[in-house]
Amino acid sequence: MMSVPASAALGVVVADQLTKWVIRDYLVFRAIVEVFGEQFRLVYWGNKGAAFGMTLGGPAVHIALSLLALGLLGWVAWRTPEDEWMARWGFGLIVGGAVGNLIDRISLGYVVDFLDVGLSATVRWPAFNVADVAVVVGVALLIFGHWLTPKAESSTDSKELGAMRIPLQKPAKKSSDPPSSFGPARPFSAKTSLL
């Protein structure tokens, strides 16, 4: 039986690749099909950059960064406790979105974007796809899951590091410790010499 993150990731990859296949098969590159007037359109657009078309280097850099991010996300998702279901779904959606876009980068050399929303012909959000939606929803689940998860009483004898709780121990003062270089503290009075 598949885990929640794996199921979510697989569902996103299948939906993402299926919708991109339909767009590539039925639309001409850069074609625009109005669905709800200017507010929602379908387009066939190729994005060779990162999010919103930002370029971080060549295709090899984008692929390497995607693989690095996937490895890190997979590790964190694997270490997420079973009872943190929002975080587990969130990681699954993010991983699925990253894999969907990585498949495009490797097989096509660009990411297929096709969802286009805006207020008018000139006021538009950058085109996006199902994988991008999954990443955004996954991040929202991580944020809400973190915000809604009850926090344990914080104490000075432990420190939280992500999902791990690390106990901190203060070293016990030993009687054999050397005295401070200034000696024992003495109250200051007018009779005490400063020299």
N, C-alpha and C. Protein backbone atom coordinates (compact mmCIF):
# COMPACT_ATOMS: atom_id res chain seq x y z
N MET A 1 0.84 -1.18 0.00
CA MET A 1 0.00 0.00 0.00
C MET A 1 0.89 1.25 0.00
N MET A 2 0.51 2.23 -0.83
CA MET A 2 1.28 3.44 -0.98
C MET A 2 1.03 4.41 0.17
N SER A 3 2.05 5.15 0.55
CA SER A 3 1.90 6.16 1.60
C SER A 3 1.15 7.36 1.04
N VAL A 4 0.69 8.22 1.95
CA VAL A 4 -0.04 9.43 1.55
C VAL A 4 0.80 10.31 0.63
N PRO A 5 2.06 10.64 0.99
CA PRO A 5 2.84 11.49 0.08
C PRO A 5 3.02 10.85 -1.30
N ALA A 6 3.27 9.55 -1.34
CA ALA A 6 3.47 8.88 -2.63
C ALA A 6 2.19 8.88 -3.45
N SER A 7 1.05 8.63 -2.81
CA SER A 7 -0.24 8.65 -3.52
C SER A 7 -0.55 10.03 -4.08
N ALA A 8 -0.34 11.05 -3.25
CA ALA A 8 -0.59 12.43 -3.70
C ALA A 8 0.34 12.78 -4.86
N ALA A 9 1.61 12.43 -4.73
CA ALA A 9 2.58 12.74 -5.79
C ALA A 9 2.21 12.04 -7.09
N LEU A 10 1.87 10.77 -7.00
CA LEU A 10 1.50 10.02 -8.21
C LEU A 10 0.25 10.61 -8.87
N GLY A 11 -0.74 10.97 -8.07
CA GLY A 11 -1.95 11.57 -8.63
C GLY A 11 -1.67 12.88 -9.35
N VAL A 12 -0.80 13.70 -8.76
CA VAL A 12 -0.43 14.98 -9.39
C VAL A 12 0.31 14.74 -10.69
N VAL A 13 1.27 13.83 -10.69
CA VAL A 13 2.05 13.56 -11.91
C VAL A 13 1.14 13.08 -13.04
N VAL A 14 0.23 12.16 -12.73
CA VAL A 14 -0.68 11.65 -13.76
C VAL A 14 -1.58 12.77 -14.30
N ALA A 15 -2.21 13.54 -13.40
CA ALA A 15 -3.09 14.63 -13.84
C ALA A 15 -2.31 15.69 -14.62
N ASP A 16 -1.13 16.03 -14.14
CA ASP A 16 -0.31 17.04 -14.81
C ASP A 16 0.09 16.60 -16.21
N GLN A 17 0.63 15.41 -16.32
CA GLN A 17 1.09 14.94 -17.63
C GLN A 17 -0.07 14.71 -18.60
N LEU A 18 -1.20 14.25 -18.09
CA LEU A 18 -2.36 14.05 -18.96
C LEU A 18 -2.88 15.38 -19.51
N THR A 19 -3.01 16.38 -18.65
CA THR A 19 -3.49 17.69 -19.13
C THR A 19 -2.49 18.32 -20.10
N LYS A 20 -1.21 18.18 -19.84
CA LYS A 20 -0.20 18.74 -20.75
C LYS A 20 -0.21 18.02 -22.09
N TRP A 21 -0.44 16.72 -22.07
CA TRP A 21 -0.53 15.96 -23.31
C TRP A 21 -1.72 16.46 -24.14
N VAL A 22 -2.87 16.68 -23.49
CA VAL A 22 -4.05 17.19 -24.21
C VAL A 22 -3.75 18.55 -24.82
N ILE A 23 -3.13 19.44 -24.05
CA ILE A 23 -2.80 20.78 -24.56
C ILE A 23 -1.85 20.69 -25.74
N ARG A 24 -0.78 19.90 -25.62
CA ARG A 24 0.19 19.77 -26.73
C ARG A 24 -0.46 19.15 -27.96
N ASP A 25 -1.41 18.24 -27.74
CA ASP A 25 -2.03 17.53 -28.86
C ASP A 25 -3.10 18.37 -29.57
N TYR A 26 -3.81 19.22 -28.83
CA TYR A 26 -4.96 19.92 -29.41
C TYR A 26 -4.78 21.42 -29.62
N LEU A 27 -3.75 22.01 -29.05
CA LEU A 27 -3.53 23.45 -29.24
C LEU A 27 -2.24 23.69 -30.01
N VAL A 28 -2.25 24.73 -30.81
CA VAL A 28 -1.04 25.18 -31.50
C VAL A 28 -0.24 26.01 -30.51
N PHE A 29 1.10 25.92 -30.59
CA PHE A 29 1.95 26.68 -29.67
C PHE A 29 1.56 28.16 -29.69
N ARG A 30 1.40 28.73 -28.52
CA ARG A 30 1.00 30.12 -28.28
C ARG A 30 -0.44 30.42 -28.67
N ALA A 31 -1.22 29.40 -28.95
CA ALA A 31 -2.65 29.62 -29.24
C ALA A 31 -3.36 30.02 -27.95
N ILE A 32 -4.42 30.83 -28.07
CA ILE A 32 -5.21 31.27 -26.93
C ILE A 32 -6.65 30.86 -27.16
N VAL A 33 -7.23 30.17 -26.17
CA VAL A 33 -8.64 29.78 -26.23
C VAL A 33 -9.32 30.40 -25.01
N GLU A 34 -10.25 31.31 -25.24
CA GLU A 34 -10.96 31.94 -24.13
C GLU A 34 -11.99 30.97 -23.57
N VAL A 35 -11.94 30.74 -22.27
CA VAL A 35 -12.88 29.86 -21.60
C VAL A 35 -13.94 30.70 -20.91
N PHE A 36 -13.51 31.68 -20.11
CA PHE A 36 -14.41 32.65 -19.47
C PHE A 36 -13.92 34.04 -19.81
N GLY A 37 -14.05 34.41 -21.08
CA GLY A 37 -13.62 35.73 -21.54
C GLY A 37 -12.14 35.94 -21.28
N GLU A 38 -11.79 37.17 -20.88
CA GLU A 38 -10.39 37.52 -20.60
C GLU A 38 -9.93 36.99 -19.24
N GLN A 39 -10.87 36.61 -18.37
CA GLN A 39 -10.50 36.19 -17.02
C GLN A 39 -9.82 34.82 -16.97
N PHE A 40 -10.24 33.89 -17.81
CA PHE A 40 -9.65 32.56 -17.81
C PHE A 40 -9.52 32.05 -19.23
N ARG A 41 -8.27 31.76 -19.62
CA ARG A 41 -7.99 31.28 -20.97
C ARG A 41 -7.07 30.08 -20.91
N LEU A 42 -7.11 29.26 -21.96
CA LEU A 42 -6.15 28.19 -22.15
C LEU A 42 -5.15 28.65 -23.19
N VAL A 43 -3.88 28.40 -22.92
CA VAL A 43 -2.81 28.76 -23.86
C VAL A 43 -1.84 27.58 -23.92
N TYR A 44 -1.04 27.54 -24.94
CA TYR A 44 0.05 26.57 -24.99
C TYR A 44 1.32 27.39 -24.96
N TRP A 45 1.99 27.35 -23.82
CA TRP A 45 3.17 28.17 -23.64
C TRP A 45 4.31 27.30 -23.12
N GLY A 46 5.53 27.59 -23.54
CA GLY A 46 6.70 26.85 -23.05
C GLY A 46 7.54 27.73 -22.16
N ASN A 47 7.83 27.26 -20.96
CA ASN A 47 8.62 28.01 -19.99
C ASN A 47 9.97 27.31 -19.81
N LYS A 48 11.03 27.95 -20.29
CA LYS A 48 12.37 27.38 -20.15
C LYS A 48 13.02 27.80 -18.84
N GLY A 49 12.41 28.71 -18.11
CA GLY A 49 12.97 29.19 -16.84
C GLY A 49 12.36 28.47 -15.65
N ALA A 50 12.55 29.09 -14.49
CA ALA A 50 11.99 28.56 -13.25
C ALA A 50 10.60 29.17 -13.06
N ALA A 51 10.18 29.34 -11.83
CA ALA A 51 8.87 29.92 -11.54
C ALA A 51 8.76 31.31 -12.18
N PHE A 52 7.64 31.57 -12.81
CA PHE A 52 7.33 32.84 -13.46
C PHE A 52 8.35 33.21 -14.54
N GLY A 53 9.01 32.22 -15.10
CA GLY A 53 9.95 32.45 -16.19
C GLY A 53 11.32 32.94 -15.77
N MET A 54 11.61 32.97 -14.47
CA MET A 54 12.94 33.41 -14.02
C MET A 54 13.98 32.40 -14.50
N THR A 55 15.11 32.91 -14.96
CA THR A 55 16.18 32.04 -15.44
C THR A 55 17.28 31.99 -14.40
N LEU A 56 17.63 30.79 -13.99
CA LEU A 56 18.69 30.59 -12.99
C LEU A 56 19.94 30.01 -13.63
N GLY A 57 19.98 29.93 -14.91
CA GLY A 57 21.07 29.30 -15.63
C GLY A 57 20.46 28.49 -16.77
N GLY A 58 21.23 27.60 -17.33
CA GLY A 58 20.74 26.77 -18.43
C GLY A 58 19.86 25.64 -17.94
N PRO A 59 19.39 24.81 -18.89
CA PRO A 59 18.51 23.69 -18.54
C PRO A 59 19.15 22.72 -17.54
N ALA A 60 20.45 22.51 -17.64
CA ALA A 60 21.13 21.58 -16.73
C ALA A 60 21.04 22.08 -15.28
N VAL A 61 21.13 23.39 -15.10
CA VAL A 61 21.04 23.97 -13.75
C VAL A 61 19.64 23.76 -13.19
N HIS A 62 18.61 23.99 -14.02
CA HIS A 62 17.23 23.80 -13.56
C HIS A 62 16.96 22.33 -13.22
N ILE A 63 17.48 21.43 -14.02
CA ILE A 63 17.30 20.00 -13.75
C ILE A 63 18.03 19.61 -12.47
N ALA A 64 19.26 20.07 -12.30
CA ALA A 64 20.03 19.74 -11.10
C ALA A 64 19.36 20.28 -9.84
N LEU A 65 18.88 21.53 -9.90
CA LEU A 65 18.19 22.11 -8.74
C LEU A 65 16.90 21.36 -8.44
N SER A 66 16.19 20.94 -9.48
CA SER A 66 14.95 20.17 -9.28
C SER A 66 15.26 18.85 -8.60
N LEU A 67 16.30 18.16 -9.04
CA LEU A 67 16.66 16.87 -8.44
C LEU A 67 17.10 17.05 -6.99
N LEU A 68 17.85 18.10 -6.72
CA LEU A 68 18.28 18.38 -5.35
C LEU A 68 17.08 18.66 -4.46
N ALA A 69 16.16 19.50 -4.94
CA ALA A 69 14.95 19.83 -4.17
C ALA A 69 14.10 18.58 -3.94
N LEU A 70 13.98 17.74 -4.96
CA LEU A 70 13.20 16.50 -4.82
C LEU A 70 13.80 15.58 -3.76
N GLY A 71 15.11 15.45 -3.77
CA GLY A 71 15.77 14.63 -2.76
C GLY A 71 15.51 15.14 -1.36
N LEU A 72 15.65 16.44 -1.17
CA LEU A 72 15.42 17.05 0.14
C LEU A 72 13.95 16.90 0.57
N LEU A 73 13.04 17.19 -0.34
CA LEU A 73 11.61 17.07 -0.03
C LEU A 73 11.22 15.63 0.28
N GLY A 74 11.75 14.70 -0.49
CA GLY A 74 11.46 13.29 -0.23
C GLY A 74 11.94 12.86 1.14
N TRP A 75 13.13 13.31 1.52
CA TRP A 75 13.69 12.96 2.83
C TRP A 75 12.82 13.54 3.95
N VAL A 76 12.45 14.83 3.83
CA VAL A 76 11.64 15.47 4.86
C VAL A 76 10.25 14.82 4.93
N ALA A 77 9.66 14.50 3.79
CA ALA A 77 8.35 13.85 3.76
C ALA A 77 8.42 12.49 4.44
N TRP A 78 9.50 11.75 4.19
CA TRP A 78 9.67 10.42 4.79
C TRP A 78 9.79 10.52 6.31
N ARG A 79 10.39 11.61 6.81
CA ARG A 79 10.60 11.78 8.25
C ARG A 79 9.40 12.44 8.94
N THR A 80 8.41 12.87 8.19
CA THR A 80 7.25 13.53 8.79
C THR A 80 6.39 12.50 9.50
N PRO A 81 6.03 12.74 10.75
CA PRO A 81 5.21 11.78 11.50
C PRO A 81 3.86 11.51 10.82
N GLU A 82 3.36 10.30 11.01
CA GLU A 82 2.09 9.86 10.40
C GLU A 82 0.92 10.75 10.80
N ASP A 83 0.90 11.26 12.02
CA ASP A 83 -0.25 12.04 12.49
C ASP A 83 -0.29 13.46 11.93
N GLU A 84 0.76 13.90 11.27
CA GLU A 84 0.77 15.24 10.65
C GLU A 84 0.30 15.11 9.20
N TRP A 85 -1.00 14.82 9.03
CA TRP A 85 -1.55 14.51 7.71
C TRP A 85 -1.49 15.71 6.76
N MET A 86 -1.68 16.93 7.25
CA MET A 86 -1.60 18.09 6.34
C MET A 86 -0.21 18.22 5.75
N ALA A 87 0.80 18.05 6.59
CA ALA A 87 2.17 18.16 6.11
C ALA A 87 2.47 17.02 5.12
N ARG A 88 2.00 15.83 5.41
CA ARG A 88 2.26 14.69 4.52
C ARG A 88 1.60 14.90 3.16
N TRP A 89 0.35 15.37 3.14
CA TRP A 89 -0.32 15.69 1.88
C TRP A 89 0.41 16.83 1.18
N GLY A 90 0.80 17.83 1.95
CA GLY A 90 1.52 18.97 1.36
C GLY A 90 2.81 18.55 0.68
N PHE A 91 3.60 17.74 1.36
CA PHE A 91 4.85 17.26 0.75
C PHE A 91 4.56 16.41 -0.50
N GLY A 92 3.52 15.59 -0.44
CA GLY A 92 3.17 14.78 -1.60
C GLY A 92 2.80 15.62 -2.80
N LEU A 93 2.00 16.67 -2.58
CA LEU A 93 1.60 17.56 -3.68
C LEU A 93 2.82 18.30 -4.25
N ILE A 94 3.69 18.78 -3.37
CA ILE A 94 4.88 19.50 -3.84
C ILE A 94 5.79 18.58 -4.65
N VAL A 95 6.03 17.38 -4.14
CA VAL A 95 6.88 16.43 -4.86
C VAL A 95 6.26 16.08 -6.21
N GLY A 96 4.95 15.82 -6.23
CA GLY A 96 4.27 15.51 -7.50
C GLY A 96 4.40 16.64 -8.50
N GLY A 97 4.23 17.88 -8.05
CA GLY A 97 4.38 19.03 -8.94
C GLY A 97 5.79 19.16 -9.47
N ALA A 98 6.76 18.96 -8.58
CA ALA A 98 8.16 19.05 -9.02
C ALA A 98 8.50 17.96 -10.03
N VAL A 99 8.00 16.75 -9.81
CA VAL A 99 8.26 15.65 -10.75
C VAL A 99 7.58 15.93 -12.09
N GLY A 100 6.33 16.42 -12.06
CA GLY A 100 5.62 16.72 -13.30
C GLY A 100 6.37 17.73 -14.16
N ASN A 101 6.86 18.79 -13.55
CA ASN A 101 7.60 19.79 -14.31
C ASN A 101 8.99 19.28 -14.71
N LEU A 102 9.60 18.43 -13.88
CA LEU A 102 10.89 17.86 -14.23
C LEU A 102 10.78 16.94 -15.45
N ILE A 103 9.71 16.19 -15.55
CA ILE A 103 9.48 15.34 -16.73
C ILE A 103 9.48 16.19 -17.99
N ASP A 104 8.79 17.35 -17.93
CA ASP A 104 8.77 18.26 -19.09
C ASP A 104 10.18 18.76 -19.42
N ARG A 105 10.90 19.20 -18.40
CA ARG A 105 12.24 19.75 -18.63
C ARG A 105 13.15 18.74 -19.31
N ILE A 106 13.08 17.49 -18.85
CA ILE A 106 13.95 16.46 -19.41
C ILE A 106 13.49 16.04 -20.80
N SER A 107 12.18 15.85 -20.99
CA SER A 107 11.70 15.32 -22.26
C SER A 107 11.50 16.39 -23.34
N LEU A 108 11.13 17.60 -22.96
CA LEU A 108 10.83 18.65 -23.95
C LEU A 108 11.84 19.79 -23.98
N GLY A 109 12.56 19.97 -22.88
CA GLY A 109 13.48 21.11 -22.79
C GLY A 109 12.81 22.36 -22.24
N TYR A 110 11.54 22.28 -21.93
CA TYR A 110 10.78 23.39 -21.34
C TYR A 110 9.58 22.80 -20.61
N VAL A 111 8.96 23.63 -19.75
CA VAL A 111 7.77 23.22 -19.01
C VAL A 111 6.54 23.75 -19.74
N VAL A 112 5.57 22.89 -19.98
CA VAL A 112 4.33 23.29 -20.65
C VAL A 112 3.43 24.00 -19.63
N ASP A 113 3.10 25.25 -19.91
CA ASP A 113 2.14 26.01 -19.11
C ASP A 113 0.92 26.27 -19.98
N PHE A 114 -0.27 26.21 -19.38
CA PHE A 114 -1.46 26.37 -20.21
C PHE A 114 -2.64 27.06 -19.53
N LEU A 115 -2.58 27.28 -18.24
CA LEU A 115 -3.66 27.98 -17.55
C LEU A 115 -3.30 29.45 -17.47
N ASP A 116 -4.19 30.30 -17.94
CA ASP A 116 -3.92 31.74 -18.05
C ASP A 116 -5.08 32.51 -17.44
N VAL A 117 -4.81 33.24 -16.36
CA VAL A 117 -5.86 34.03 -15.69
C VAL A 117 -5.44 35.49 -15.63
N GLY A 118 -6.43 36.37 -15.62
CA GLY A 118 -6.15 37.79 -15.54
C GLY A 118 -7.42 38.61 -15.53
N LEU A 119 -7.25 39.91 -15.38
CA LEU A 119 -8.38 40.83 -15.35
C LEU A 119 -8.72 41.36 -16.74
N SER A 120 -7.71 41.49 -17.59
CA SER A 120 -7.91 42.00 -18.95
C SER A 120 -6.83 41.40 -19.84
N ALA A 121 -6.77 41.86 -21.08
CA ALA A 121 -5.76 41.34 -22.00
C ALA A 121 -4.36 41.72 -21.57
N THR A 122 -4.21 42.80 -20.82
CA THR A 122 -2.88 43.26 -20.42
C THR A 122 -2.54 42.98 -18.96
N VAL A 123 -3.54 42.76 -18.10
CA VAL A 123 -3.29 42.48 -16.68
C VAL A 123 -3.49 40.98 -16.47
N ARG A 124 -2.34 40.24 -16.50
CA ARG A 124 -2.40 38.77 -16.47
C ARG A 124 -1.41 38.22 -15.46
N TRP A 125 -1.75 37.08 -14.90
CA TRP A 125 -0.83 36.31 -14.08
C TRP A 125 -0.02 35.45 -15.05
N PRO A 126 1.25 35.16 -14.76
CA PRO A 126 2.00 34.28 -15.67
C PRO A 126 1.29 32.93 -15.83
N ALA A 127 1.34 32.36 -17.02
CA ALA A 127 0.70 31.06 -17.29
C ALA A 127 1.28 30.00 -16.38
N PHE A 128 0.45 29.03 -16.00
CA PHE A 128 0.88 27.97 -15.10
C PHE A 128 0.22 26.67 -15.49
N ASN A 129 0.44 25.60 -14.71
CA ASN A 129 -0.09 24.29 -15.05
C ASN A 129 -0.56 23.57 -13.79
N VAL A 130 -1.00 22.32 -13.93
CA VAL A 130 -1.51 21.54 -12.80
C VAL A 130 -0.41 21.32 -11.76
N ALA A 131 0.82 21.06 -12.21
CA ALA A 131 1.93 20.86 -11.28
C ALA A 131 2.16 22.10 -10.42
N ASP A 132 2.08 23.27 -11.03
CA ASP A 132 2.26 24.52 -10.29
C ASP A 132 1.16 24.69 -9.24
N VAL A 133 -0.08 24.36 -9.61
CA VAL A 133 -1.20 24.45 -8.67
C VAL A 133 -0.94 23.51 -7.49
N ALA A 134 -0.47 22.30 -7.77
CA ALA A 134 -0.20 21.33 -6.71
C ALA A 134 0.88 21.84 -5.76
N VAL A 135 1.91 22.47 -6.30
CA VAL A 135 2.97 23.01 -5.45
C VAL A 135 2.42 24.10 -4.53
N VAL A 136 1.62 25.01 -5.07
CA VAL A 136 1.05 26.10 -4.27
C VAL A 136 0.12 25.55 -3.19
N VAL A 137 -0.75 24.60 -3.55
CA VAL A 137 -1.65 24.00 -2.57
C VAL A 137 -0.85 23.23 -1.52
N GLY A 138 0.20 22.53 -1.95
CA GLY A 138 1.06 21.81 -1.01
C GLY A 138 1.73 22.73 -0.02
N VAL A 139 2.26 23.86 -0.48
CA VAL A 139 2.88 24.84 0.42
C VAL A 139 1.84 25.40 1.38
N ALA A 140 0.64 25.69 0.89
CA ALA A 140 -0.44 26.18 1.76
C ALA A 140 -0.77 25.15 2.85
N LEU A 141 -0.82 23.87 2.49
CA LEU A 141 -1.08 22.82 3.49
C LEU A 141 0.03 22.75 4.52
N LEU A 142 1.27 22.91 4.09
CA LEU A 142 2.38 22.92 5.04
C LEU A 142 2.25 24.09 6.02
N ILE A 143 1.93 25.26 5.49
CA ILE A 143 1.79 26.45 6.34
C ILE A 143 0.63 26.28 7.31
N PHE A 144 -0.54 25.91 6.79
CA PHE A 144 -1.70 25.74 7.67
C PHE A 144 -1.49 24.60 8.66
N GLY A 145 -0.88 23.52 8.21
CA GLY A 145 -0.61 22.41 9.12
C GLY A 145 0.31 22.82 10.25
N HIS A 146 1.33 23.61 9.93
CA HIS A 146 2.26 24.09 10.96
C HIS A 146 1.55 25.05 11.90
N TRP A 147 0.72 25.90 11.35
CA TRP A 147 0.00 26.91 12.13
C TRP A 147 -1.04 26.26 13.04
N LEU A 148 -1.71 25.22 12.56
CA LEU A 148 -2.77 24.58 13.32
C LEU A 148 -2.29 23.50 14.28
N THR A 149 -1.05 23.04 14.11
CA THR A 149 -0.53 22.00 14.99
C THR A 149 -0.26 22.59 16.36
N PRO A 150 -0.85 22.00 17.43
CA PRO A 150 -0.59 22.54 18.77
C PRO A 150 0.88 22.39 19.12
N LYS A 151 1.42 23.43 19.68
CA LYS A 151 2.82 23.42 20.07
C LYS A 151 2.94 23.01 21.53
N ALA A 152 3.96 22.22 21.82
CA ALA A 152 4.23 21.83 23.20
C ALA A 152 4.75 23.04 23.96
N GLU A 153 4.57 23.01 25.27
CA GLU A 153 5.12 24.08 26.10
C GLU A 153 6.61 24.16 25.86
N SER A 154 7.10 25.36 25.60
CA SER A 154 8.53 25.47 25.37
C SER A 154 9.24 25.53 26.72
N SER A 155 10.34 24.86 26.80
CA SER A 155 11.12 24.86 28.03
C SER A 155 12.57 25.19 27.67
N THR A 156 13.32 25.53 28.69
CA THR A 156 14.71 25.91 28.45
C THR A 156 15.62 24.70 28.35
N ASP A 157 15.09 23.51 28.66
CA ASP A 157 15.95 22.34 28.63
C ASP A 157 15.85 21.53 27.34
N SER A 158 15.17 22.06 26.31
CA SER A 158 15.13 21.38 25.02
C SER A 158 14.95 22.40 23.92
N LYS A 159 15.31 22.00 22.72
CA LYS A 159 15.20 22.89 21.57
C LYS A 159 14.58 22.11 20.42
N GLU A 160 13.61 22.73 19.72
CA GLU A 160 12.98 22.07 18.59
C GLU A 160 13.77 22.35 17.33
N LEU A 161 14.01 21.32 16.56
CA LEU A 161 14.68 21.44 15.27
C LEU A 161 13.81 20.69 14.28
N GLY A 162 12.92 21.41 13.61
CA GLY A 162 11.97 20.78 12.70
C GLY A 162 11.06 19.84 13.46
N ALA A 163 11.01 18.58 13.06
CA ALA A 163 10.14 17.61 13.71
C ALA A 163 10.87 16.91 14.86
N MET A 164 12.14 17.25 15.09
CA MET A 164 12.91 16.59 16.14
C MET A 164 13.00 17.48 17.36
N ARG A 165 13.01 16.89 18.53
CA ARG A 165 13.18 17.61 19.78
C ARG A 165 14.51 17.16 20.36
N ILE A 166 15.41 18.10 20.56
CA ILE A 166 16.75 17.78 21.03
C ILE A 166 16.89 18.24 22.47
N PRO A 167 17.14 17.32 23.42
CA PRO A 167 17.32 17.75 24.81
C PRO A 167 18.66 18.45 24.98
N LEU A 168 18.63 19.54 25.70
CA LEU A 168 19.85 20.28 25.99
C LEU A 168 20.19 20.05 27.45
N GLN A 169 21.43 19.76 27.74
CA GLN A 169 21.84 19.56 29.12
C GLN A 169 22.86 20.62 29.47
N LYS A 170 22.62 21.29 30.58
CA LYS A 170 23.58 22.26 31.05
C LYS A 170 24.64 21.51 31.83
N PRO A 171 25.90 21.81 31.58
CA PRO A 171 26.93 21.09 32.33
C PRO A 171 26.83 21.43 33.82
N ALA A 172 26.96 20.42 34.65
CA ALA A 172 26.91 20.62 36.10
C ALA A 172 28.22 21.27 36.55
N LYS A 173 28.11 22.20 37.49
CA LYS A 173 29.31 22.86 38.01
C LYS A 173 30.00 21.89 38.95
N LYS A 174 31.23 21.63 38.67
CA LYS A 174 32.02 20.72 39.49
C LYS A 174 32.76 21.53 40.55
N SER A 175 32.96 20.91 41.69
CA SER A 175 33.67 21.61 42.77
C SER A 175 35.14 21.79 42.40
N SER A 176 35.63 21.00 41.46
CA SER A 176 37.03 21.11 41.09
C SER A 176 37.28 22.18 40.02
N ASP A 177 36.19 22.87 39.58
CA ASP A 177 36.36 23.93 38.59
C ASP A 177 37.21 25.04 39.18
N PRO A 178 38.13 25.60 38.41
CA PRO A 178 38.96 26.68 38.96
C PRO A 178 38.10 27.91 39.23
N PRO A 179 38.47 28.68 40.23
CA PRO A 179 37.70 29.90 40.52
C PRO A 179 37.88 30.91 39.41
N SER A 180 36.97 31.85 39.36
CA SER A 180 37.05 32.89 38.35
C SER A 180 38.32 33.69 38.56
N SER A 181 38.86 34.28 37.51
CA SER A 181 40.12 35.02 37.62
C SER A 181 39.98 36.28 38.47
N PHE A 182 38.76 36.73 38.69
CA PHE A 182 38.55 37.94 39.50
C PHE A 182 38.31 37.60 40.96
N GLY A 183 38.27 36.36 41.31
CA GLY A 183 38.06 35.97 42.70
C GLY A 183 36.60 36.11 43.09
N PRO A 184 36.28 35.83 44.33
CA PRO A 184 34.89 35.92 44.78
C PRO A 184 34.43 37.38 44.78
N ALA A 185 33.15 37.57 44.54
CA ALA A 185 32.59 38.93 44.52
C ALA A 185 32.56 39.50 45.92
N ARG A 186 32.96 40.77 46.08
CA ARG A 186 32.91 41.46 47.37
C ARG A 186 32.09 42.71 47.20
N PRO A 187 31.30 43.04 48.18
CA PRO A 187 30.55 44.30 48.09
C PRO A 187 31.53 45.48 48.11
N PHE A 188 31.21 46.52 47.38
CA PHE A 188 32.07 47.70 47.31
C PHE A 188 31.63 48.66 48.42
N SER A 189 32.59 49.18 49.13
CA SER A 189 32.29 50.19 50.15
C SER A 189 33.36 51.26 50.08
N ALA A 190 33.15 52.34 50.79
CA ALA A 190 34.11 53.44 50.78
C ALA A 190 35.44 53.01 51.36
N LYS A 191 35.44 52.01 52.24
CA LYS A 191 36.68 51.56 52.87
C LYS A 191 37.48 50.63 51.94
N THR A 192 36.83 50.05 50.87
CA THR A 192 37.50 49.13 50.00
C THR A 192 38.41 49.90 49.05
N SER A 193 39.64 49.50 48.97
CA SER A 193 40.59 50.16 48.10
C SER A 193 40.42 49.64 46.67
N LEU A 194 40.48 50.52 45.73
CA LEU A 194 40.40 50.13 44.33
C LEU A 194 41.72 49.60 43.83
N LEU A 195 42.79 49.83 44.53
CA LEU A 195 44.11 49.39 44.09
C LEU A 195 44.50 48.12 44.72
